[in-house]
């Protein structure tokens, strides 16, 4: 089968490898859609960085897989051939408290392996997955919808749950890439009356408005950006703010725009910033929360909500490529000017 590898240096390698055979408790899925995530670009495509969860080990790339079960291994208990499934992209030990709560992302056991990072991922014609990592895809949603949920929309949903978003709260989002768009679309479905988005890239701001992910937009490079946001909200900020950029300046801006007694969630990775804890955090009674991916439980919940809301995550996908054009797909994704990029079959 054809498979995509990321040797670093902003390059893509397409190789022919044997189609895997499912072992005990495993299933083989024919891949239908596998989207590209910003973490793939940052930590694998450009150069190999990190240890532990970010230690790419020359496996098939792609940690946002969605496909159809075509073969069952011995010991599979529920999955059936023909099932449409999202693959939760971290396979944990299954025994620690985090795994038992569905948060395999936070598993610290030595058996933890992330698809596309330490075990073969979804940028291939087939993927081998442990049955416990499957989340059923409702018939009303497409395979591209499911791939978007496998990481991006799942991550956004978890952040909004941590922010306790509802119709009571306006929301500020810093960073309007695919996760920022997901945050806005989900927050509107969850009842947020006003959503202000900030981003330095004009096409991204325009796309967020066109998709209805935000009600108002502000150029984050404007030196008066914070004042513009406060003018739009008519108060000292929003009761809920989420940073999806991973940039330190934007993370700090999100905190500054969080109103007294509000919640600020950081979901974008790798930024650094400093604060004066007493006036900026403690005296304003602001909650600063880190959120990393989601759980299998919340992912299944989100898929059900999407059907009820009539929301298709695939609206954030601006480009689709076949596997033979994976190099072009990564170039488009890495340019950072458009929406989500998907490899489809």
Protein backbone atom coordinates (compact mmCIF):
# COMPACT_ATOMS: atom_id res chain seq x y z
CA UNK A 1 0.00 0.00 0.00
CA UNK A 2 1.02 3.63 -0.44
CA UNK A 3 2.04 5.48 2.72
CA UNK A 4 3.34 8.94 3.61
CA UNK A 5 6.42 9.52 5.75
CA UNK A 6 7.91 12.81 6.98
CA UNK A 7 11.73 12.69 6.94
CA UNK A 8 12.02 16.32 8.13
CA UNK A 9 13.29 19.41 6.38
CA UNK A 10 9.81 20.23 5.01
CA UNK A 11 9.81 17.13 2.81
CA UNK A 12 7.38 14.27 2.18
CA UNK A 13 8.24 10.73 1.18
CA UNK A 14 5.67 8.36 -0.34
CA UNK A 15 6.67 4.73 0.02
CA UNK A 16 5.19 1.36 -0.78
CA UNK A 17 4.83 -0.76 2.37
CA UNK A 18 3.05 -4.03 3.17
CA UNK A 19 -0.61 -3.80 4.13
CA UNK A 20 -0.74 -4.62 7.86
CA UNK A 21 -2.59 -7.61 9.29
CA UNK A 22 -4.66 -7.08 12.47
CA UNK A 23 -3.52 -8.86 15.59
CA UNK A 24 -5.45 -9.62 18.76
CA UNK A 25 -7.90 -6.83 19.60
CA UNK A 26 -7.04 -4.92 16.44
CA UNK A 27 -8.91 -3.91 13.29
CA UNK A 28 -7.79 -2.89 9.82
CA UNK A 29 -9.48 0.20 8.41
CA UNK A 30 -9.47 1.43 4.85
CA UNK A 31 -8.62 5.10 5.15
CA UNK A 32 -11.15 7.52 3.72
CA UNK A 33 -9.86 10.82 5.10
CA UNK A 34 -6.83 11.94 7.09
CA UNK A 35 -6.38 15.62 7.82
CA UNK A 36 -3.16 17.54 8.53
CA UNK A 37 -2.65 19.07 11.97
CA UNK A 38 -0.51 22.04 12.94
CA UNK A 39 1.47 19.88 15.35
CA UNK A 40 2.51 17.65 12.44
CA UNK A 41 3.83 20.72 10.64
CA UNK A 42 5.58 22.17 13.67
CA UNK A 43 7.24 19.12 15.16
CA UNK A 44 7.62 16.64 12.29
CA UNK A 45 7.32 18.15 8.80
CA UNK A 46 9.77 21.00 9.30
CA UNK A 47 12.19 19.22 11.62
CA UNK A 48 12.12 16.48 14.20
CA UNK A 49 11.76 18.00 17.65
CA UNK A 50 10.79 16.84 21.08
CA UNK A 51 10.84 13.76 23.23
CA UNK A 52 8.12 11.50 24.53
CA UNK A 53 4.80 12.44 22.87
CA UNK A 54 6.64 14.49 20.22
CA UNK A 55 9.29 11.91 19.38
CA UNK A 56 8.43 11.02 15.79
CA UNK A 57 9.82 7.57 15.02
CA UNK A 58 9.75 7.34 11.21
CA UNK A 59 6.27 5.88 11.11
CA UNK A 60 3.46 6.53 8.62
CA UNK A 61 2.32 10.10 9.25
CA UNK A 62 -1.13 11.42 10.07
CA UNK A 63 -2.85 11.48 13.46
CA UNK A 64 -6.34 12.51 12.34
CA UNK A 65 -7.65 9.33 10.69
CA UNK A 66 -11.18 8.32 9.74
CA UNK A 67 -12.11 5.23 7.76
CA UNK A 68 -14.06 2.01 7.35
CA UNK A 69 -13.36 -1.31 9.09
CA UNK A 70 -12.44 -3.97 6.53
CA UNK A 71 -10.85 -6.75 8.63
CA UNK A 72 -11.06 -7.92 12.24
CA UNK A 73 -8.34 -9.50 14.35
CA UNK A 74 -8.92 -12.21 16.92
CA UNK A 75 -10.50 -11.04 20.16
CA UNK A 76 -12.35 -8.05 18.68
CA UNK A 77 -15.57 -7.74 20.67
CA UNK A 78 -17.74 -5.00 19.18
CA UNK A 79 -16.40 -3.67 15.89
CA UNK A 80 -17.86 -5.06 12.68
CA UNK A 81 -16.68 -5.02 9.09
CA UNK A 82 -18.25 -1.96 7.46
CA UNK A 83 -18.24 0.19 10.62
CA UNK A 84 -17.41 3.84 9.95
CA UNK A 85 -14.97 5.02 12.62
CA UNK A 86 -12.87 7.91 13.83
CA UNK A 87 -9.56 6.75 15.30
CA UNK A 88 -8.69 8.44 18.58
CA UNK A 89 -5.09 9.27 17.89
CA UNK A 90 -3.42 8.13 21.10
CA UNK A 91 -3.38 4.52 22.21
CA UNK A 92 -2.64 4.39 25.93
CA UNK A 93 -1.84 1.63 28.38
CA UNK A 94 -5.55 1.16 29.13
CA UNK A 95 -4.93 0.71 32.84
CA UNK A 96 -4.01 4.09 34.35
CA UNK A 97 -6.62 6.49 35.71
CA UNK A 98 -6.33 8.77 32.68
CA UNK A 99 -6.93 5.93 30.22
CA UNK A 100 -9.87 4.63 32.24
CA UNK A 101 -11.41 8.11 32.09
CA UNK A 102 -10.94 8.16 28.30
CA UNK A 103 -8.00 10.58 28.37
CA UNK A 104 -5.40 8.37 26.68
CA UNK A 105 -3.74 11.64 25.63
CA UNK A 106 -2.53 11.99 29.22
CA UNK A 107 -1.37 8.39 29.65
CA UNK A 108 2.11 8.25 31.16
CA UNK A 109 2.59 4.51 30.74
CA UNK A 110 5.49 3.22 28.63
CA UNK A 111 2.99 1.55 26.28
CA UNK A 112 1.55 4.90 25.13
CA UNK A 113 1.84 5.31 21.37
CA UNK A 114 0.34 8.10 19.25
CA UNK A 115 -0.79 7.30 15.72
CA UNK A 116 1.40 9.17 13.24
CA UNK A 117 4.06 9.78 15.87
CA UNK A 118 5.16 6.51 17.48
CA UNK A 119 2.92 4.09 15.54
CA UNK A 120 1.68 4.13 11.96
CA UNK A 121 -0.93 6.81 11.25
CA UNK A 122 -3.58 7.66 8.72
CA UNK A 123 -1.73 8.98 5.67
CA UNK A 124 -1.93 5.59 3.96
CA UNK A 125 -4.40 3.36 2.16
CA UNK A 126 -4.99 1.35 5.35
CA UNK A 127 -4.41 1.83 9.07
CA UNK A 128 -4.10 -0.74 11.84
CA UNK A 129 -5.88 0.36 15.03
CA UNK A 130 -6.65 -1.09 18.43
CA UNK A 131 -10.40 -1.62 18.80
CA UNK A 132 -10.48 0.45 21.98
CA UNK A 133 -9.28 3.50 20.01
CA UNK A 134 -12.30 3.52 17.68
CA UNK A 135 -15.15 6.02 18.01
CA UNK A 136 -18.20 5.38 15.85
CA UNK A 137 -18.93 7.92 13.09
CA UNK A 138 -22.67 8.68 12.69
CA UNK A 139 -24.08 8.11 9.21
CA UNK A 140 -25.04 11.78 8.96
CA UNK A 141 -21.37 12.84 9.03
CA UNK A 142 -18.80 12.39 6.27
CA UNK A 143 -15.39 10.79 6.61
CA UNK A 144 -13.81 14.24 6.29
CA UNK A 145 -16.06 15.41 9.14
CA UNK A 146 -14.75 12.53 11.22
CA UNK A 147 -11.11 13.26 10.43
CA UNK A 148 -11.62 16.87 11.53
CA UNK A 149 -13.04 15.62 14.84
CA UNK A 150 -10.18 13.14 15.40
CA UNK A 151 -8.02 15.97 16.73
CA UNK A 152 -8.96 19.56 15.81
CA UNK A 153 -12.67 19.72 16.61
CA UNK A 154 -12.23 17.34 19.54
CA UNK A 155 -9.51 19.58 20.93
CA UNK A 156 -11.69 22.68 20.44
CA UNK A 157 -14.69 21.03 22.11
CA UNK A 158 -12.64 20.05 25.15
CA UNK A 159 -11.34 23.63 25.48
CA UNK A 160 -14.91 24.99 25.37
CA UNK A 161 -16.00 22.50 28.01
CA UNK A 162 -13.10 23.66 30.18
CA UNK A 163 -14.17 27.28 29.53
CA UNK A 164 -17.72 26.30 30.55
CA UNK A 165 -19.08 28.13 27.50
CA UNK A 166 -22.82 28.66 27.16
CA UNK A 167 -25.36 31.30 26.20
CA UNK A 168 -24.28 33.28 29.28
CA UNK A 169 -20.87 34.14 27.87
CA UNK A 170 -19.33 36.03 25.01
CA UNK A 171 -16.12 34.44 23.74
CA UNK A 172 -12.79 35.80 22.50
CA UNK A 173 -10.62 33.56 20.31
CA UNK A 174 -6.98 34.40 19.53
CA UNK A 175 -5.77 32.49 16.48
CA UNK A 176 -8.14 31.63 13.62
CA UNK A 177 -6.47 28.62 12.08
CA UNK A 178 -8.43 25.35 11.87
CA UNK A 179 -8.71 24.96 15.67
CA UNK A 180 -9.75 28.60 16.07
CA UNK A 181 -12.43 28.13 13.42
CA UNK A 182 -13.61 24.98 15.20
CA UNK A 183 -13.81 26.90 18.47
CA UNK A 184 -16.00 29.57 16.91
CA UNK A 185 -18.34 27.18 15.10
CA UNK A 186 -18.81 25.00 18.18
CA UNK A 187 -19.23 27.97 20.52
CA UNK A 188 -22.03 29.36 18.35
CA UNK A 189 -23.75 25.97 18.42
CA UNK A 190 -23.34 25.92 22.22
CA UNK A 191 -25.06 29.29 22.51
CA UNK A 192 -22.32 31.93 22.80
CA UNK A 193 -24.06 35.16 21.70
CA UNK A 194 -20.98 37.08 20.57
CA UNK A 195 -17.66 35.66 19.39
CA UNK A 196 -14.73 37.97 18.68
CA UNK A 197 -11.82 36.50 16.74
CA UNK A 198 -8.28 37.88 16.46
CA UNK A 199 -5.64 36.86 13.92
CA UNK A 200 -2.77 38.60 12.10
CA UNK A 201 -3.50 36.97 8.70
CA UNK A 202 -6.10 38.72 6.54
CA UNK A 203 -7.33 35.61 4.63
CA UNK A 204 -7.87 33.80 7.92
CA UNK A 205 -9.89 36.67 9.34
CA UNK A 206 -11.96 36.82 6.16
CA UNK A 207 -12.49 33.05 6.21
CA UNK A 208 -13.67 33.13 9.83
CA UNK A 209 -16.31 35.71 8.97
CA UNK A 210 -17.37 33.87 5.79
CA UNK A 211 -17.85 30.59 7.69
CA UNK A 212 -19.79 32.26 10.49
CA UNK A 213 -17.22 31.13 13.05
CA UNK A 214 -17.10 34.63 14.57
CA UNK A 215 -19.48 37.54 14.89
CA UNK A 216 -16.71 40.15 14.96
CA UNK A 217 -13.11 40.27 13.81
CA UNK A 218 -10.03 42.21 14.93
CA UNK A 219 -6.56 42.38 13.42
CA UNK A 220 -4.30 41.18 16.22
CA UNK A 221 -1.38 43.21 14.82
CA UNK A 222 -3.28 46.44 15.50
CA UNK A 223 -1.63 48.11 18.52
CA UNK A 224 -5.12 48.98 19.76
CA UNK A 225 -6.51 45.47 19.28
CA UNK A 226 -7.40 45.00 22.96
CA UNK A 227 -9.30 48.29 23.04
CA UNK A 228 -11.23 47.33 19.89
CA UNK A 229 -12.27 44.05 21.48
CA UNK A 230 -13.41 45.75 24.68
CA UNK A 231 -15.39 48.27 22.62
CA UNK A 232 -17.15 45.41 20.82
CA UNK A 233 -18.01 43.68 24.07
CA UNK A 234 -18.90 46.79 26.01
CA UNK A 235 -17.06 45.68 29.14
CA UNK A 236 -13.58 44.87 30.43
CA UNK A 237 -13.35 41.76 28.28
CA UNK A 238 -15.05 38.40 27.79
CA UNK A 239 -15.97 35.95 30.52
CA UNK A 240 -14.39 33.25 28.33
CA UNK A 241 -11.27 33.50 26.17
CA UNK A 242 -9.42 30.73 24.33
CA UNK A 243 -6.03 30.96 22.64
CA UNK A 244 -5.61 28.65 19.63
CA UNK A 245 -2.49 30.29 18.21
CA UNK A 246 0.28 28.95 20.41
CA UNK A 247 1.98 32.35 20.18
CA UNK A 248 3.06 33.92 23.46
CA UNK A 249 1.87 37.42 22.54
CA UNK A 250 -1.58 36.09 21.62
CA UNK A 251 -1.76 33.94 24.75
CA UNK A 252 -1.03 36.96 26.91
CA UNK A 253 -3.58 39.01 24.96
CA UNK A 254 -6.20 36.32 25.59
CA UNK A 255 -5.48 36.53 29.32
CA UNK A 256 -5.63 40.33 29.29
CA UNK A 257 -8.99 40.20 27.50
CA UNK A 258 -10.46 37.82 30.05
CA UNK A 259 -12.88 39.77 32.23
CA UNK A 260 -12.83 39.68 36.03
CA UNK A 261 -14.02 36.29 37.32
CA UNK A 262 -13.58 34.89 33.78
CA UNK A 263 -11.92 31.80 32.35
CA UNK A 264 -8.94 31.80 29.97
CA UNK A 265 -8.08 28.51 28.24
CA UNK A 266 -4.79 27.87 26.44
CA UNK A 267 -5.02 25.19 23.76
CA UNK A 268 -2.43 26.38 21.21
CA UNK A 269 0.94 24.73 21.86
CA UNK A 270 4.43 26.03 22.61
CA UNK A 271 3.98 29.75 23.40
CA UNK A 272 5.75 31.52 26.24
CA UNK A 273 4.75 34.69 28.06
CA UNK A 274 5.16 36.27 31.46
CA UNK A 275 2.58 37.92 33.70
CA UNK A 276 2.47 39.95 36.86
CA UNK A 277 0.49 37.38 38.82
CA UNK A 278 -1.20 39.62 41.38
CA UNK A 279 -2.79 42.35 39.22
CA UNK A 280 -3.30 40.24 36.07
CA UNK A 281 -4.50 36.97 37.57
CA UNK A 282 -5.04 36.85 41.31
CA UNK A 283 -6.71 40.20 41.96
CA UNK A 284 -9.00 39.76 38.97
CA UNK A 285 -9.98 36.23 40.07
CA UNK A 286 -9.25 34.87 36.60
CA UNK A 287 -8.95 31.13 35.97
CA UNK A 288 -6.05 30.22 33.65
CA UNK A 289 -6.60 26.72 32.26
CA UNK A 290 -4.52 24.45 30.05
CA UNK A 291 -6.38 22.00 27.81
CA UNK A 292 -4.82 19.19 25.75
CA UNK A 293 -6.86 17.28 23.12
CA UNK A 294 -9.99 15.54 24.47
CA UNK A 295 -11.22 12.17 25.71
CA UNK A 296 -12.84 9.30 23.80
CA UNK A 297 -15.97 9.94 25.90
CA UNK A 298 -16.19 13.61 24.90
CA UNK A 299 -15.32 12.78 21.28
CA UNK A 300 -18.27 10.41 21.04
CA UNK A 301 -20.45 13.03 22.73
CA UNK A 302 -19.32 15.68 20.25
CA UNK A 303 -20.12 13.49 17.24
CA UNK A 304 -23.68 13.09 18.53
CA UNK A 305 -23.99 16.84 19.12
CA UNK A 306 -22.77 17.64 15.61
CA UNK A 307 -25.63 15.62 14.14
CA UNK A 308 -28.16 17.41 16.33
CA UNK A 309 -26.67 20.82 15.54
CA UNK A 310 -26.47 20.07 11.81
CA UNK A 311 -22.83 21.14 11.88
CA UNK A 312 -20.29 19.59 9.50
CA UNK A 313 -16.68 20.12 10.63
CA UNK A 314 -15.58 19.69 7.02
CA UNK A 315 -16.61 23.31 6.36
CA UNK A 316 -13.17 24.32 7.68
CA UNK A 317 -11.44 22.20 5.00
CA UNK A 318 -10.25 24.40 2.15
CA UNK A 319 -8.21 21.80 0.22
CA UNK A 320 -8.46 18.05 -0.43
CA UNK A 321 -5.68 16.01 -2.05
CA UNK A 322 -5.21 12.36 -3.01
CA UNK A 323 -2.40 10.51 -1.30
CA UNK A 324 -0.18 10.85 -4.39
CA UNK A 325 -0.23 14.62 -3.86
CA UNK A 326 0.66 14.51 -0.17
CA UNK A 327 3.70 16.75 -0.69
CA UNK A 328 1.51 19.48 -2.16
CA UNK A 329 -1.00 18.98 0.64
CA UNK A 330 1.69 19.63 3.26
CA UNK A 331 2.97 22.69 1.40
CA UNK A 332 -0.51 24.21 1.37
CA UNK A 333 -1.07 23.40 5.04
CA UNK A 334 2.32 24.79 6.02
CA UNK A 335 1.64 28.11 4.25
CA UNK A 336 -0.90 28.83 6.99
CA UNK A 337 -3.14 31.06 4.89
CA UNK A 338 -6.11 28.80 4.27
CA UNK A 339 -8.28 26.34 6.14
CA UNK A 340 -7.78 22.70 7.01
CA UNK A 341 -6.09 20.37 4.48
CA UNK A 342 -7.26 16.79 4.01
CA UNK A 343 -5.82 13.72 2.29
CA UNK A 344 -8.80 11.76 0.97
CA UNK A 345 -9.37 8.42 -0.75
